[in-house]
Amino acid sequence: MPKAILSYSLPKISSQTVDYLKAHLADQENDTRDTGWMAWMLLDTRNVTLTQDVIAFVRKQDKPEVIGEVLRCVHVRHIPKTAEVLSLIGYGLDSPAEWTRRMAVEAATDMPLGERSPFLAQLNRLATDPKETPEIRGAAVKALKN
């Protein structure tokens, strides 16, 4: 995959790179790592319509590894919290996949309290669940205190 070549268009992704990634995001031969990477690059454009399309695709595909990568992108790159992004965070907080829950907690943590308030019950549940991993419990406590 020409991942390395496409990555060199950073810090500003070229329109040809965006077109290529949009055209190949749903390729059947993509593994979850490829799909996650492409979604990450497309979200980094900060294009609201493209963000909506990527989130819709990831939700429809419903692969925890990809959802976790997209949530990590939301957290690390501070992707604008559109309704679709907020919905994905809420979805991730309830995921059966540990990595996805962890990335959803981290994505919620850096949000202002007003934006984070819809997730307080989910974060509280994660913070107090004795079956939850210590890392996720601790991150959820941190999210509740910030």
Protein backbone atom coordinates (compact mmCIF):
# COMPACT_ATOMS: atom_id res chain seq x y z
CA MET A 1 0.00 0.00 0.00
CA PRO A 2 1.31 3.46 -0.80
CA LYS A 3 0.75 4.47 2.84
CA ALA A 4 4.22 5.96 3.28
CA ILE A 5 3.96 8.02 0.10
CA LEU A 6 0.52 9.34 1.02
CA SER A 7 1.68 10.17 4.53
CA TYR A 8 4.36 12.46 3.17
CA SER A 9 1.68 14.91 2.05
CA LEU A 10 1.48 16.02 5.67
CA PRO A 11 1.13 18.46 7.39
CA LYS A 12 -1.51 19.44 4.84
CA ILE A 13 -3.02 16.49 3.06
CA SER A 14 -3.28 17.03 -0.69
CA SER A 15 -6.61 16.89 -2.51
CA GLN A 16 -5.31 13.96 -4.60
CA THR A 17 -4.51 12.07 -1.41
CA VAL A 18 -7.99 12.76 -0.05
CA ASP A 19 -9.56 11.57 -3.30
CA TYR A 20 -7.46 8.39 -3.24
CA LEU A 21 -8.32 7.63 0.38
CA LYS A 22 -12.03 8.28 -0.15
CA ALA A 23 -12.00 5.97 -3.16
CA HIS A 24 -10.24 3.16 -1.32
CA LEU A 25 -11.59 3.39 2.25
CA ALA A 26 -14.16 0.65 1.63
CA ASP A 27 -11.90 -1.70 -0.38
CA GLN A 28 -12.58 -5.30 0.57
CA GLU A 29 -8.88 -6.17 0.72
CA ASN A 30 -8.17 -3.54 3.41
CA ASP A 31 -7.33 -4.97 6.79
CA THR A 32 -8.45 -3.16 9.94
CA ARG A 33 -5.10 -1.36 10.22
CA ASP A 34 -5.41 0.00 6.66
CA THR A 35 -8.99 1.09 7.22
CA GLY A 36 -8.10 2.75 10.53
CA TRP A 37 -5.17 4.58 8.96
CA MET A 38 -7.26 5.82 6.03
CA ALA A 39 -10.04 6.97 8.36
CA TRP A 40 -7.46 8.77 10.51
CA MET A 41 -6.05 10.62 7.48
CA LEU A 42 -9.51 11.58 6.23
CA LEU A 43 -10.64 12.82 9.64
CA ASP A 44 -7.50 14.92 9.88
CA THR A 45 -8.76 17.04 6.95
CA ARG A 46 -11.30 18.58 9.37
CA ASN A 47 -13.90 18.56 6.58
CA VAL A 48 -17.28 18.23 8.29
CA THR A 49 -18.98 16.35 5.44
CA LEU A 50 -16.04 14.00 5.09
CA THR A 51 -16.00 13.45 8.87
CA GLN A 52 -19.69 12.52 8.75
CA ASP A 53 -19.06 10.09 5.89
CA VAL A 54 -16.09 8.44 7.60
CA ILE A 55 -17.92 8.06 10.93
CA ALA A 56 -20.97 6.61 9.15
CA PHE A 57 -18.76 4.12 7.29
CA VAL A 58 -16.91 3.09 10.46
CA ARG A 59 -20.14 2.66 12.40
CA LYS A 60 -21.68 0.57 9.60
CA GLN A 61 -18.57 -1.58 9.35
CA ASP A 62 -18.66 -2.04 13.16
CA LYS A 63 -15.10 -3.33 13.65
CA PRO A 64 -13.93 -2.54 17.19
CA GLU A 65 -10.30 -2.10 16.13
CA VAL A 66 -11.23 0.50 13.51
CA ILE A 67 -13.64 2.29 15.85
CA GLY A 68 -10.88 2.38 18.49
CA GLU A 69 -8.43 3.89 15.98
CA VAL A 70 -10.95 6.52 14.93
CA LEU A 71 -11.61 7.38 18.58
CA ARG A 72 -7.85 7.63 19.15
CA CYS A 73 -7.70 10.07 16.24
CA VAL A 74 -10.55 12.10 17.76
CA HIS A 75 -8.56 12.34 20.99
CA VAL A 76 -5.03 12.87 19.65
CA ARG A 77 -5.91 15.20 16.77
CA HIS A 78 -8.70 17.03 18.63
CA ILE A 79 -11.20 16.40 15.85
CA PRO A 80 -14.20 18.76 16.10
CA LYS A 81 -16.99 17.15 18.10
CA THR A 82 -19.78 16.97 15.55
CA ALA A 83 -22.98 15.10 16.39
CA GLU A 84 -21.55 12.04 14.61
CA VAL A 85 -18.29 12.17 16.58
CA LEU A 86 -20.19 12.53 19.87
CA SER A 87 -22.39 9.59 18.91
CA LEU A 88 -19.29 7.50 18.16
CA ILE A 89 -17.80 8.36 21.56
CA GLY A 90 -21.01 7.26 23.30
CA TYR A 91 -21.05 4.09 21.24
CA GLY A 92 -17.41 3.41 22.13
CA LEU A 93 -18.03 3.85 25.85
CA ASP A 94 -20.44 0.91 25.71
CA SER A 95 -18.28 -1.26 23.45
CA PRO A 96 -17.49 -4.81 24.53
CA ALA A 97 -13.94 -4.24 23.21
CA GLU A 98 -11.55 -2.97 25.87
CA TRP A 99 -9.41 -0.93 23.45
CA THR A 100 -12.47 0.81 22.03
CA ARG A 101 -13.76 1.69 25.53
CA ARG A 102 -10.35 3.04 26.50
CA MET A 103 -10.12 5.24 23.40
CA ALA A 104 -13.70 6.47 23.95
CA VAL A 105 -12.87 7.46 27.54
CA GLU A 106 -9.77 9.31 26.36
CA ALA A 107 -11.76 11.08 23.63
CA ALA A 108 -14.33 12.17 26.22
CA THR A 109 -11.68 13.30 28.72
CA ASP A 110 -10.37 16.21 26.68
CA MET A 111 -13.82 17.64 26.00
CA PRO A 112 -15.18 20.64 27.92
CA LEU A 113 -17.59 19.59 30.66
CA GLY A 114 -20.63 20.88 28.77
CA GLU A 115 -19.85 18.63 25.81
CA ARG A 116 -18.87 15.72 28.07
CA SER A 117 -22.03 15.85 30.20
CA PRO A 118 -24.05 13.42 28.03
CA PHE A 119 -21.41 10.79 28.83
CA LEU A 120 -21.21 11.26 32.60
CA ALA A 121 -23.43 8.26 33.41
CA GLN A 122 -21.40 6.01 31.11
CA LEU A 123 -18.14 7.32 32.56
CA ASN A 124 -19.42 6.79 36.09
CA ARG A 125 -20.40 3.22 35.24
CA LEU A 126 -16.91 2.55 33.85
CA ALA A 127 -15.24 4.24 36.84
CA THR A 128 -17.11 2.11 39.36
CA ASP A 129 -17.31 -1.24 37.57
CA PRO A 130 -15.10 -3.71 39.46
CA LYS A 131 -14.95 -5.91 36.35
CA GLU A 132 -13.44 -3.07 34.33
CA THR A 133 -9.68 -2.85 33.86
CA PRO A 134 -7.82 -0.58 36.29
CA GLU A 135 -6.62 1.56 33.36
CA ILE A 136 -10.13 2.24 32.09
CA ARG A 137 -11.49 2.78 35.62
CA GLY A 138 -8.71 5.28 36.31
CA ALA A 139 -9.21 7.08 33.00
CA ALA A 140 -12.96 7.29 33.62
CA VAL A 141 -12.36 8.73 37.11
CA LYS A 142 -10.05 11.31 35.55
CA ALA A 143 -12.71 12.19 32.97
CA LEU A 144 -15.27 12.65 35.72
CA LYS A 145 -12.97 14.93 37.75
CA ASN A 146 -11.86 17.24 34.93
